[in-house]
């Protein structure tokens, strides 16, 4: 089912907020510093439209523990 313009906007804003902050870590910097300290990870989120569909791309990159 295609999203309306309003739904598309809401989905885009939510994915950006989910990907870079939380209640425990309310800023992008706090999230990045905590993940880097704990796991050496990098996270990213992106949204884009493919035809009539909204695509949410969520990525987490981490270094394997043996390194």
N, C-alpha and C. Protein backbone atom coordinates (compact mmCIF):
# COMPACT_ATOMS: atom_id res chain seq x y z
N UNK A 1 0.84 -1.17 0.00
CA UNK A 1 0.00 0.00 0.00
C UNK A 1 0.90 1.24 0.00
N UNK A 2 0.77 2.11 -0.96
CA UNK A 2 1.58 3.33 -1.02
C UNK A 2 1.28 4.26 0.16
N UNK A 3 2.30 4.97 0.62
CA UNK A 3 2.14 5.93 1.70
C UNK A 3 1.67 7.27 1.16
N UNK A 4 0.87 7.95 1.97
CA UNK A 4 0.48 9.33 1.61
C UNK A 4 1.68 10.24 1.88
N UNK A 5 1.62 11.45 1.40
CA UNK A 5 2.71 12.40 1.63
C UNK A 5 2.93 12.61 3.13
N UNK A 6 1.86 12.68 3.90
CA UNK A 6 1.96 12.86 5.35
C UNK A 6 2.65 11.66 5.99
N UNK A 7 2.21 10.44 5.64
CA UNK A 7 2.81 9.23 6.20
C UNK A 7 4.28 9.12 5.82
N UNK A 8 4.61 9.51 4.60
CA UNK A 8 5.99 9.49 4.14
C UNK A 8 6.85 10.42 4.99
N UNK A 9 6.35 11.60 5.27
CA UNK A 9 7.08 12.58 6.09
C UNK A 9 7.26 12.07 7.52
N UNK A 10 6.20 11.54 8.11
CA UNK A 10 6.27 11.02 9.48
C UNK A 10 7.27 9.87 9.55
N UNK A 11 7.21 8.94 8.61
CA UNK A 11 8.14 7.81 8.61
C UNK A 11 9.58 8.28 8.49
N UNK A 12 9.82 9.25 7.64
CA UNK A 12 11.17 9.78 7.45
C UNK A 12 11.69 10.44 8.72
N UNK A 13 10.87 11.24 9.38
CA UNK A 13 11.28 11.89 10.61
C UNK A 13 11.52 10.89 11.74
N UNK A 14 10.65 9.90 11.86
CA UNK A 14 10.80 8.91 12.93
C UNK A 14 12.07 8.11 12.77
N UNK A 15 12.37 7.66 11.56
CA UNK A 15 13.57 6.85 11.37
C UNK A 15 14.82 7.66 11.65
N UNK A 16 14.79 8.93 11.34
CA UNK A 16 15.95 9.78 11.65
C UNK A 16 16.12 9.94 13.16
N UNK A 17 15.02 10.08 13.88
CA UNK A 17 15.09 10.24 15.33
C UNK A 17 15.46 8.93 16.02
N UNK A 18 14.91 7.82 15.57
CA UNK A 18 15.21 6.52 16.17
C UNK A 18 16.68 6.18 16.00
N UNK A 19 17.23 6.52 14.85
CA UNK A 19 18.60 6.15 14.56
C UNK A 19 19.66 6.95 15.27
N UNK A 20 19.31 8.07 15.86
CA UNK A 20 20.39 8.88 16.43
C UNK A 20 20.14 9.39 17.85
N UNK A 21 19.13 8.91 18.53
CA UNK A 21 18.95 9.31 19.92
C UNK A 21 17.93 8.39 20.61
N UNK A 22 17.96 8.40 21.92
CA UNK A 22 17.00 7.63 22.71
C UNK A 22 16.79 8.37 24.03
N UNK A 23 15.95 7.83 24.86
CA UNK A 23 15.70 8.47 26.16
C UNK A 23 16.97 8.49 27.01
N UNK A 24 17.72 7.40 26.97
CA UNK A 24 18.94 7.31 27.76
C UNK A 24 20.07 8.16 27.19
N UNK A 25 20.09 8.32 25.87
CA UNK A 25 21.14 9.08 25.18
C UNK A 25 20.45 10.09 24.26
N UNK A 26 20.14 11.28 24.77
CA UNK A 26 19.26 12.21 24.07
C UNK A 26 19.90 13.01 22.92
N UNK A 27 21.18 12.79 22.64
CA UNK A 27 21.80 13.50 21.52
C UNK A 27 22.56 12.53 20.63
N UNK A 28 22.82 12.95 19.40
CA UNK A 28 23.59 12.12 18.48
C UNK A 28 24.97 11.82 19.04
N UNK A 29 25.59 12.81 19.62
CA UNK A 29 26.92 12.64 20.17
C UNK A 29 26.92 11.61 21.30
N UNK A 30 25.93 11.68 22.19
CA UNK A 30 25.85 10.74 23.31
C UNK A 30 25.68 9.30 22.81
N UNK A 31 24.85 9.11 21.80
CA UNK A 31 24.66 7.76 21.24
C UNK A 31 25.96 7.26 20.63
N UNK A 32 26.59 8.09 19.80
CA UNK A 32 27.84 7.69 19.13
C UNK A 32 28.94 7.36 20.13
N UNK A 33 29.10 8.20 21.14
CA UNK A 33 30.15 7.96 22.13
C UNK A 33 29.89 6.69 22.92
N UNK A 34 28.65 6.44 23.29
CA UNK A 34 28.34 5.24 24.06
C UNK A 34 28.56 3.98 23.23
N UNK A 35 28.08 3.96 21.99
CA UNK A 35 28.28 2.78 21.15
C UNK A 35 29.75 2.54 20.85
N UNK A 36 30.48 3.60 20.60
CA UNK A 36 31.90 3.46 20.32
C UNK A 36 32.65 2.92 21.54
N UNK A 37 32.29 3.41 22.73
CA UNK A 37 32.92 2.94 23.96
C UNK A 37 32.62 1.47 24.22
N UNK A 38 31.38 1.08 24.03
CA UNK A 38 30.98 -0.30 24.35
C UNK A 38 31.39 -1.30 23.27
N UNK A 39 31.23 -0.96 22.00
CA UNK A 39 31.36 -1.96 20.95
C UNK A 39 32.26 -1.55 19.78
N UNK A 40 32.66 -0.32 19.69
CA UNK A 40 33.38 0.13 18.51
C UNK A 40 32.47 0.11 17.29
N UNK A 41 31.21 0.50 17.46
CA UNK A 41 30.23 0.42 16.39
C UNK A 41 29.93 1.77 15.77
N UNK A 42 29.38 1.69 14.57
CA UNK A 42 28.88 2.88 13.87
C UNK A 42 27.48 2.56 13.38
N UNK A 43 26.55 3.45 13.64
CA UNK A 43 25.18 3.25 13.18
C UNK A 43 24.80 4.36 12.20
N UNK A 44 23.89 4.02 11.29
CA UNK A 44 23.36 5.03 10.38
C UNK A 44 21.96 4.64 9.95
N UNK A 45 21.18 5.65 9.63
CA UNK A 45 19.83 5.43 9.11
C UNK A 45 19.59 6.37 7.95
N UNK A 46 18.86 5.89 6.97
CA UNK A 46 18.52 6.69 5.81
C UNK A 46 17.12 6.30 5.34
N UNK A 47 16.42 7.24 4.77
CA UNK A 47 15.13 6.95 4.15
C UNK A 47 15.14 7.50 2.74
N UNK A 48 14.45 6.79 1.88
CA UNK A 48 14.29 7.27 0.51
C UNK A 48 13.05 6.63 -0.09
N UNK A 49 12.61 7.19 -1.19
CA UNK A 49 11.43 6.69 -1.87
C UNK A 49 11.87 5.90 -3.08
N UNK A 50 11.29 4.72 -3.27
CA UNK A 50 11.54 3.88 -4.41
C UNK A 50 10.19 3.64 -5.09
N UNK A 51 9.94 4.38 -6.15
CA UNK A 51 8.62 4.33 -6.77
C UNK A 51 7.61 4.93 -5.83
N UNK A 52 6.62 4.11 -5.43
CA UNK A 52 5.60 4.59 -4.49
C UNK A 52 5.84 4.07 -3.07
N UNK A 53 6.98 3.44 -2.84
CA UNK A 53 7.26 2.84 -1.54
C UNK A 53 8.30 3.65 -0.77
N UNK A 54 8.17 3.68 0.54
CA UNK A 54 9.14 4.33 1.41
C UNK A 54 10.12 3.26 1.89
N UNK A 55 11.42 3.50 1.73
CA UNK A 55 12.45 2.54 2.14
C UNK A 55 13.19 3.11 3.34
N UNK A 56 13.36 2.30 4.39
CA UNK A 56 14.12 2.68 5.57
C UNK A 56 15.35 1.79 5.62
N UNK A 57 16.52 2.38 5.55
CA UNK A 57 17.79 1.66 5.55
C UNK A 57 18.46 1.89 6.90
N UNK A 58 18.57 0.82 7.70
CA UNK A 58 19.19 0.90 9.02
C UNK A 58 20.46 0.07 8.98
N UNK A 59 21.60 0.66 9.35
CA UNK A 59 22.88 -0.03 9.24
C UNK A 59 23.63 0.06 10.57
N UNK A 60 24.22 -1.06 10.98
CA UNK A 60 25.07 -1.10 12.16
C UNK A 60 26.37 -1.79 11.74
N UNK A 61 27.49 -1.11 11.94
CA UNK A 61 28.80 -1.69 11.60
C UNK A 61 29.60 -1.83 12.87
N UNK A 62 30.25 -2.98 13.02
CA UNK A 62 31.00 -3.25 14.22
C UNK A 62 32.27 -4.04 13.88
N UNK A 63 33.28 -3.90 14.70
CA UNK A 63 34.50 -4.67 14.54
C UNK A 63 34.34 -5.99 15.29
N UNK A 64 34.72 -7.09 14.65
CA UNK A 64 34.63 -8.40 15.29
C UNK A 64 35.53 -8.43 16.52
N UNK A 65 35.11 -9.13 17.57
CA UNK A 65 35.80 -9.12 18.85
C UNK A 65 37.23 -9.71 18.75
N UNK A 66 37.52 -10.54 17.77
CA UNK A 66 38.87 -11.12 17.67
C UNK A 66 39.91 -10.09 17.23
N UNK A 67 39.47 -8.94 16.72
CA UNK A 67 40.41 -7.90 16.32
C UNK A 67 40.55 -6.90 17.43
